Structures are given as C-alpha cells and as structure tokens.
Amino acid sequence: MEWVPEVPKWRQVYAVMEERIAEGAYPPGGRLPSVVDVCGEFGISQMTARKVLGELRKNGLAAMYPGVGTFVTQLPQPPAGS
C-alpha cells in the first residue's frame, strides 16, 4: 500500500477495510482480520490497527466479541443525497 503522507495511516487503512466491507470481501456476519493480521497486512502498529477496528465498531460497521473476534454487522451506507 502506498501511503499518503497528509492522511493519518489509520484513516487510510479504515478506508480500505470499509471498501472491502462494501464490496462484500468481508460480508455481514463475516469475521474481520485480527489486530495482528491487520498489522501484518498493512505494516502498521497494533495501536493503529486497534484504532481502525475501533472506528469500524464506532461507526456501526462491526461488533467485537471478546475472545471470539470482530465481525461485520452491516454494509456502509452511502452519503445522504447519493
């Protein structure tokens, strides 16, 4: 992945994960990669990976079940007026 220096890495990874959810690569009910897997794929720290997964949860796209994993709850909604 090529990083855009002006944009925080977590936002760039979040955009990729959100796009994958929208495209069905991570379908509703499907398990998202673990923090360690996100770190490995994108070359980011665990803190950054946790931020990405936390933002997905915060925005209603995922739910975390301790000891089980983080799962997609819904598809991203298009902006109003689209």
Protein backbone atom coordinates (compact mmCIF):
# COMPACT_ATOMS: atom_id res chain seq x y z
CA MET A 1 0.00 0.00 0.00
CA GLU A 2 1.28 3.45 -0.87
CA TRP A 3 0.76 5.87 1.99
CA VAL A 4 -0.49 9.42 1.50
CA PRO A 5 1.67 11.43 3.93
CA GLU A 6 -1.02 14.05 4.62
CA VAL A 7 -3.59 11.46 5.76
CA PRO A 8 -3.23 9.50 9.02
CA LYS A 9 -2.43 5.84 8.37
CA TRP A 10 -5.42 4.65 10.40
CA ARG A 11 -7.76 6.63 8.11
CA GLN A 12 -6.18 5.09 5.01
CA VAL A 13 -6.47 1.55 6.39
CA TYR A 14 -10.01 2.29 7.58
CA ALA A 15 -10.94 3.34 4.01
CA VAL A 16 -9.56 0.06 2.63
CA MET A 17 -11.43 -2.02 5.23
CA GLU A 18 -14.66 -0.08 4.68
CA GLU A 19 -14.34 -0.59 0.92
CA ARG A 20 -13.82 -4.32 1.42
CA ILE A 21 -16.96 -4.47 3.55
CA ALA A 22 -18.93 -2.56 0.88
CA GLU A 23 -17.65 -4.85 -1.88
CA GLY A 24 -18.52 -8.00 0.08
CA ALA A 25 -14.96 -9.19 0.72
CA TYR A 26 -15.99 -9.04 4.38
CA PRO A 27 -19.73 -9.82 4.26
CA PRO A 28 -22.22 -9.08 7.07
CA GLY A 29 -21.67 -11.69 9.78
CA GLY A 30 -18.18 -12.36 8.45
CA ARG A 31 -15.15 -12.16 10.66
CA LEU A 32 -12.72 -9.29 10.17
CA PRO A 33 -8.96 -9.83 10.38
CA SER A 34 -7.45 -9.73 13.86
CA VAL A 35 -5.31 -6.83 15.08
CA VAL A 36 -2.21 -8.93 14.38
CA ASP A 37 -3.40 -9.75 10.86
CA VAL A 38 -4.16 -6.09 10.10
CA CYS A 39 -0.68 -5.16 11.38
CA GLY A 40 0.92 -7.76 9.14
CA GLU A 41 -1.02 -6.84 6.03
CA PHE A 42 -0.57 -3.08 6.26
CA GLY A 43 2.70 -2.82 8.17
CA ILE A 44 1.18 -0.73 10.96
CA SER A 45 1.42 -0.85 14.74
CA GLN A 46 -1.05 -2.71 16.94
CA MET A 47 -2.23 0.62 18.32
CA THR A 48 -3.07 1.81 14.78
CA ALA A 49 -4.79 -1.48 13.93
CA ARG A 50 -6.88 -1.25 17.12
CA LYS A 51 -7.86 2.30 16.13
CA VAL A 52 -9.05 1.07 12.72
CA LEU A 53 -11.14 -1.76 14.18
CA GLY A 54 -12.44 0.57 16.89
CA GLU A 55 -13.58 3.11 14.31
CA LEU A 56 -15.37 0.37 12.35
CA ARG A 57 -17.20 -0.53 15.57
CA LYS A 58 -17.86 3.12 16.44
CA ASN A 59 -19.42 3.67 13.01
CA GLY A 60 -21.67 0.64 13.35
CA LEU A 61 -19.93 -1.49 10.74
CA ALA A 62 -18.55 -4.09 13.14
CA ALA A 63 -19.04 -5.62 16.56
CA MET A 64 -16.37 -7.14 18.78
CA TYR A 65 -16.92 -10.27 20.83
CA PRO A 66 -14.04 -10.70 23.33
CA GLY A 67 -12.24 -13.98 22.84
CA VAL A 68 -14.07 -14.61 19.57
CA GLY A 69 -13.24 -11.75 17.16
CA THR A 70 -14.63 -8.73 15.35
CA PHE A 71 -17.47 -9.27 12.89
CA VAL A 72 -19.14 -7.17 10.20
CA THR A 73 -22.58 -6.02 11.30
CA GLN A 74 -23.76 -4.04 8.27
CA LEU A 75 -22.72 -2.56 4.95
CA PRO A 76 -21.57 1.07 4.79
CA GLN A 77 -24.40 3.45 3.95
CA PRO A 78 -23.98 5.85 1.03
CA PRO A 79 -23.93 9.54 1.92
CA ALA A 80 -27.34 11.24 2.05
CA GLY A 81 -28.42 12.57 -1.33
CA SER A 82 -26.44 9.99 -3.32
